[in-house]
Amino acid sequence: MDARKRLDAALAYVGPGLADVAIAICCAEVGLEDYERGFELPKRSGKLMLKMALMRLSVHYGLQSTAATASFRMR
């Protein structure tokens, strides 16, 4: 029960749209291309969404500050 509460808190911090991406790709092991195709997103947008979700998770868990996530580079 505690693990579920911690997961729910983390996903609530990430936000509803980005949490869906994180769960689908990280937990359900759906590929980025499959996710984009399933939700009719533009190509390569899934990568950006996943990166934003993971950055929000890193802030939630205290791995980096919100100032560090204000500007990020895509590679």
N, C-alpha and C. Protein backbone atom coordinates (compact mmCIF):
# COMPACT_ATOMS: atom_id res chain seq x y z
N MET A 1 0.82 -1.19 0.00
CA MET A 1 0.00 0.00 0.00
C MET A 1 0.87 1.26 0.00
N ASP A 2 1.95 1.25 0.76
CA ASP A 2 2.83 2.42 0.80
C ASP A 2 3.49 2.68 -0.55
N ALA A 3 3.90 1.61 -1.20
CA ALA A 3 4.53 1.76 -2.52
C ALA A 3 3.54 2.36 -3.51
N ARG A 4 2.30 1.94 -3.43
CA ARG A 4 1.27 2.47 -4.33
C ARG A 4 1.04 3.97 -4.07
N LYS A 5 1.05 4.35 -2.79
CA LYS A 5 0.88 5.76 -2.45
C LYS A 5 2.04 6.60 -2.97
N ARG A 6 3.27 6.07 -2.86
CA ARG A 6 4.43 6.79 -3.36
C ARG A 6 4.38 6.92 -4.87
N LEU A 7 3.96 5.86 -5.55
CA LEU A 7 3.82 5.91 -7.01
C LEU A 7 2.76 6.91 -7.42
N ASP A 8 1.63 6.89 -6.75
CA ASP A 8 0.55 7.84 -7.07
C ASP A 8 1.00 9.28 -6.85
N ALA A 9 1.77 9.52 -5.77
CA ALA A 9 2.26 10.87 -5.50
C ALA A 9 3.24 11.31 -6.59
N ALA A 10 4.11 10.42 -7.02
CA ALA A 10 5.07 10.76 -8.07
C ALA A 10 4.36 11.05 -9.38
N LEU A 11 3.39 10.22 -9.75
CA LEU A 11 2.66 10.43 -10.99
C LEU A 11 1.79 11.69 -10.95
N ALA A 12 1.26 12.00 -9.77
CA ALA A 12 0.50 13.24 -9.63
C ALA A 12 1.40 14.45 -9.82
N TYR A 13 2.65 14.35 -9.32
CA TYR A 13 3.60 15.46 -9.50
C TYR A 13 3.97 15.63 -10.97
N VAL A 14 4.13 14.53 -11.67
CA VAL A 14 4.49 14.58 -13.09
C VAL A 14 3.37 15.22 -13.90
N GLY A 15 2.14 14.90 -13.57
CA GLY A 15 0.99 15.46 -14.29
C GLY A 15 0.31 14.40 -15.12
N PRO A 16 -0.97 14.58 -15.42
CA PRO A 16 -1.74 13.52 -16.08
C PRO A 16 -1.25 13.15 -17.47
N GLY A 17 -0.90 14.09 -18.29
CA GLY A 17 -0.47 13.77 -19.65
C GLY A 17 0.90 13.12 -19.69
N LEU A 18 1.83 13.66 -18.93
CA LEU A 18 3.18 13.12 -18.93
C LEU A 18 3.26 11.82 -18.14
N ALA A 19 2.41 11.66 -17.15
CA ALA A 19 2.39 10.41 -16.39
C ALA A 19 1.99 9.24 -17.29
N ASP A 20 1.07 9.49 -18.20
CA ASP A 20 0.65 8.44 -19.13
C ASP A 20 1.82 7.97 -20.00
N VAL A 21 2.63 8.92 -20.44
CA VAL A 21 3.79 8.57 -21.26
C VAL A 21 4.78 7.75 -20.45
N ALA A 22 5.06 8.21 -19.23
CA ALA A 22 6.02 7.52 -18.37
C ALA A 22 5.58 6.09 -18.07
N ILE A 23 4.31 5.92 -17.76
CA ILE A 23 3.80 4.57 -17.45
C ILE A 23 3.86 3.68 -18.68
N ALA A 24 3.42 4.19 -19.82
CA ALA A 24 3.38 3.38 -21.04
C ALA A 24 4.78 2.94 -21.46
N ILE A 25 5.73 3.85 -21.43
CA ILE A 25 7.06 3.54 -21.96
C ILE A 25 7.93 2.85 -20.92
N CYS A 26 7.90 3.33 -19.67
CA CYS A 26 8.78 2.77 -18.65
C CYS A 26 8.23 1.50 -18.00
N CYS A 27 6.94 1.46 -17.78
CA CYS A 27 6.36 0.32 -17.07
C CYS A 27 5.78 -0.74 -18.02
N ALA A 28 5.02 -0.29 -19.00
CA ALA A 28 4.38 -1.23 -19.92
C ALA A 28 5.28 -1.61 -21.09
N GLU A 29 6.46 -0.97 -21.15
CA GLU A 29 7.45 -1.24 -22.18
C GLU A 29 6.91 -1.08 -23.61
N VAL A 30 6.11 -0.05 -23.79
CA VAL A 30 5.64 0.30 -25.13
C VAL A 30 6.74 1.15 -25.77
N GLY A 31 7.05 0.91 -27.01
CA GLY A 31 8.08 1.68 -27.69
C GLY A 31 7.61 3.09 -27.99
N LEU A 32 8.56 3.99 -28.15
CA LEU A 32 8.22 5.38 -28.45
C LEU A 32 7.41 5.50 -29.73
N GLU A 33 7.83 4.80 -30.77
CA GLU A 33 7.11 4.88 -32.04
C GLU A 33 5.70 4.33 -31.92
N ASP A 34 5.54 3.24 -31.18
CA ASP A 34 4.21 2.67 -30.98
C ASP A 34 3.32 3.62 -30.18
N TYR A 35 3.90 4.27 -29.18
CA TYR A 35 3.14 5.23 -28.38
C TYR A 35 2.67 6.40 -29.25
N GLU A 36 3.59 6.93 -30.03
CA GLU A 36 3.24 8.05 -30.92
C GLU A 36 2.16 7.65 -31.91
N ARG A 37 2.30 6.48 -32.47
CA ARG A 37 1.32 6.00 -33.44
C ARG A 37 -0.04 5.78 -32.78
N GLY A 38 -0.04 5.20 -31.57
CA GLY A 38 -1.30 4.92 -30.87
C GLY A 38 -2.07 6.16 -30.50
N PHE A 39 -1.36 7.24 -30.19
CA PHE A 39 -2.03 8.48 -29.80
C PHE A 39 -2.01 9.52 -30.91
N GLU A 40 -1.61 9.10 -32.11
CA GLU A 40 -1.58 9.96 -33.29
C GLU A 40 -0.80 11.25 -33.03
N LEU A 41 0.39 11.08 -32.45
CA LEU A 41 1.28 12.21 -32.18
C LEU A 41 2.28 12.37 -33.31
N PRO A 42 2.81 13.56 -33.49
CA PRO A 42 3.86 13.73 -34.50
C PRO A 42 5.09 12.90 -34.16
N LYS A 43 5.84 12.52 -35.17
CA LYS A 43 7.04 11.73 -34.95
C LYS A 43 8.01 12.51 -34.07
N ARG A 44 8.71 11.78 -33.23
CA ARG A 44 9.72 12.28 -32.30
C ARG A 44 9.15 13.13 -31.17
N SER A 45 7.84 13.30 -31.09
CA SER A 45 7.27 14.06 -29.98
C SER A 45 7.24 13.21 -28.71
N GLY A 46 7.18 11.90 -28.86
CA GLY A 46 7.19 11.02 -27.70
C GLY A 46 8.48 11.12 -26.92
N LYS A 47 9.59 11.31 -27.63
CA LYS A 47 10.89 11.45 -26.98
C LYS A 47 10.91 12.70 -26.10
N LEU A 48 10.38 13.79 -26.61
CA LEU A 48 10.33 15.04 -25.85
C LEU A 48 9.42 14.89 -24.63
N MET A 49 8.28 14.27 -24.82
CA MET A 49 7.34 14.08 -23.71
C MET A 49 7.94 13.19 -22.64
N LEU A 50 8.62 12.12 -23.05
CA LEU A 50 9.25 11.21 -22.08
C LEU A 50 10.35 11.94 -21.32
N LYS A 51 11.13 12.74 -22.01
CA LYS A 51 12.20 13.48 -21.35
C LYS A 51 11.62 14.45 -20.32
N MET A 52 10.55 15.13 -20.65
CA MET A 52 9.92 16.05 -19.69
C MET A 52 9.39 15.28 -18.49
N ALA A 53 8.77 14.12 -18.73
CA ALA A 53 8.24 13.31 -17.62
C ALA A 53 9.36 12.84 -16.71
N LEU A 54 10.46 12.38 -17.28
CA LEU A 54 11.58 11.91 -16.47
C LEU A 54 12.24 13.05 -15.71
N MET A 55 12.28 14.24 -16.31
CA MET A 55 12.83 15.39 -15.60
C MET A 55 11.95 15.76 -14.41
N ARG A 56 10.64 15.71 -14.60
CA ARG A 56 9.72 16.00 -13.49
C ARG A 56 9.88 14.96 -12.38
N LEU A 57 10.07 13.70 -12.75
CA LEU A 57 10.30 12.66 -11.74
C LEU A 57 11.60 12.91 -10.98
N SER A 58 12.63 13.35 -11.68
CA SER A 58 13.90 13.60 -11.00
C SER A 58 13.78 14.76 -10.01
N VAL A 59 12.95 15.74 -10.31
CA VAL A 59 12.70 16.83 -9.37
C VAL A 59 11.90 16.31 -8.18
N HIS A 60 10.89 15.49 -8.44
CA HIS A 60 10.06 14.94 -7.37
C HIS A 60 10.90 14.13 -6.38
N TYR A 61 11.84 13.36 -6.89
CA TYR A 61 12.67 12.52 -6.02
C TYR A 61 13.91 13.25 -5.51
N GLY A 62 14.04 14.55 -5.82
CA GLY A 62 15.13 15.34 -5.28
C GLY A 62 16.47 15.13 -5.94
N LEU A 63 16.48 14.60 -7.15
CA LEU A 63 17.74 14.36 -7.85
C LEU A 63 18.27 15.61 -8.53
N GLN A 64 17.39 16.56 -8.82
CA GLN A 64 17.81 17.86 -9.37
C GLN A 64 16.77 18.90 -9.00
N SER A 65 17.19 20.15 -9.09
CA SER A 65 16.30 21.24 -8.70
C SER A 65 15.41 21.64 -9.87
N THR A 66 14.39 22.39 -9.57
CA THR A 66 13.49 22.86 -10.63
C THR A 66 14.21 23.84 -11.54
N ALA A 67 15.20 24.56 -11.02
CA ALA A 67 15.96 25.49 -11.85
C ALA A 67 16.75 24.75 -12.93
N ALA A 68 17.24 23.56 -12.59
CA ALA A 68 18.02 22.78 -13.56
C ALA A 68 17.14 22.28 -14.69
N THR A 69 15.86 22.10 -14.45
CA THR A 69 14.97 21.59 -15.48
C THR A 69 14.33 22.69 -16.30
N ALA A 70 14.55 23.94 -15.90
CA ALA A 70 13.93 25.05 -16.63
C ALA A 70 14.41 25.12 -18.07
N SER A 71 15.67 24.80 -18.28
CA SER A 71 16.18 24.76 -19.65
C SER A 71 16.86 23.42 -19.85
N PHE A 72 16.50 22.75 -20.89
CA PHE A 72 17.12 21.47 -21.17
C PHE A 72 17.41 21.35 -22.65
N ARG A 73 18.39 20.53 -22.95
CA ARG A 73 18.79 20.33 -24.34
C ARG A 73 18.32 18.98 -24.83
N MET A 74 17.90 18.92 -26.06
CA MET A 74 17.56 17.64 -26.69
C MET A 74 18.76 17.21 -27.50
N ARG A 75 19.06 15.94 -27.43
CA ARG A 75 20.16 15.38 -28.24
C ARG A 75 19.61 14.45 -29.26
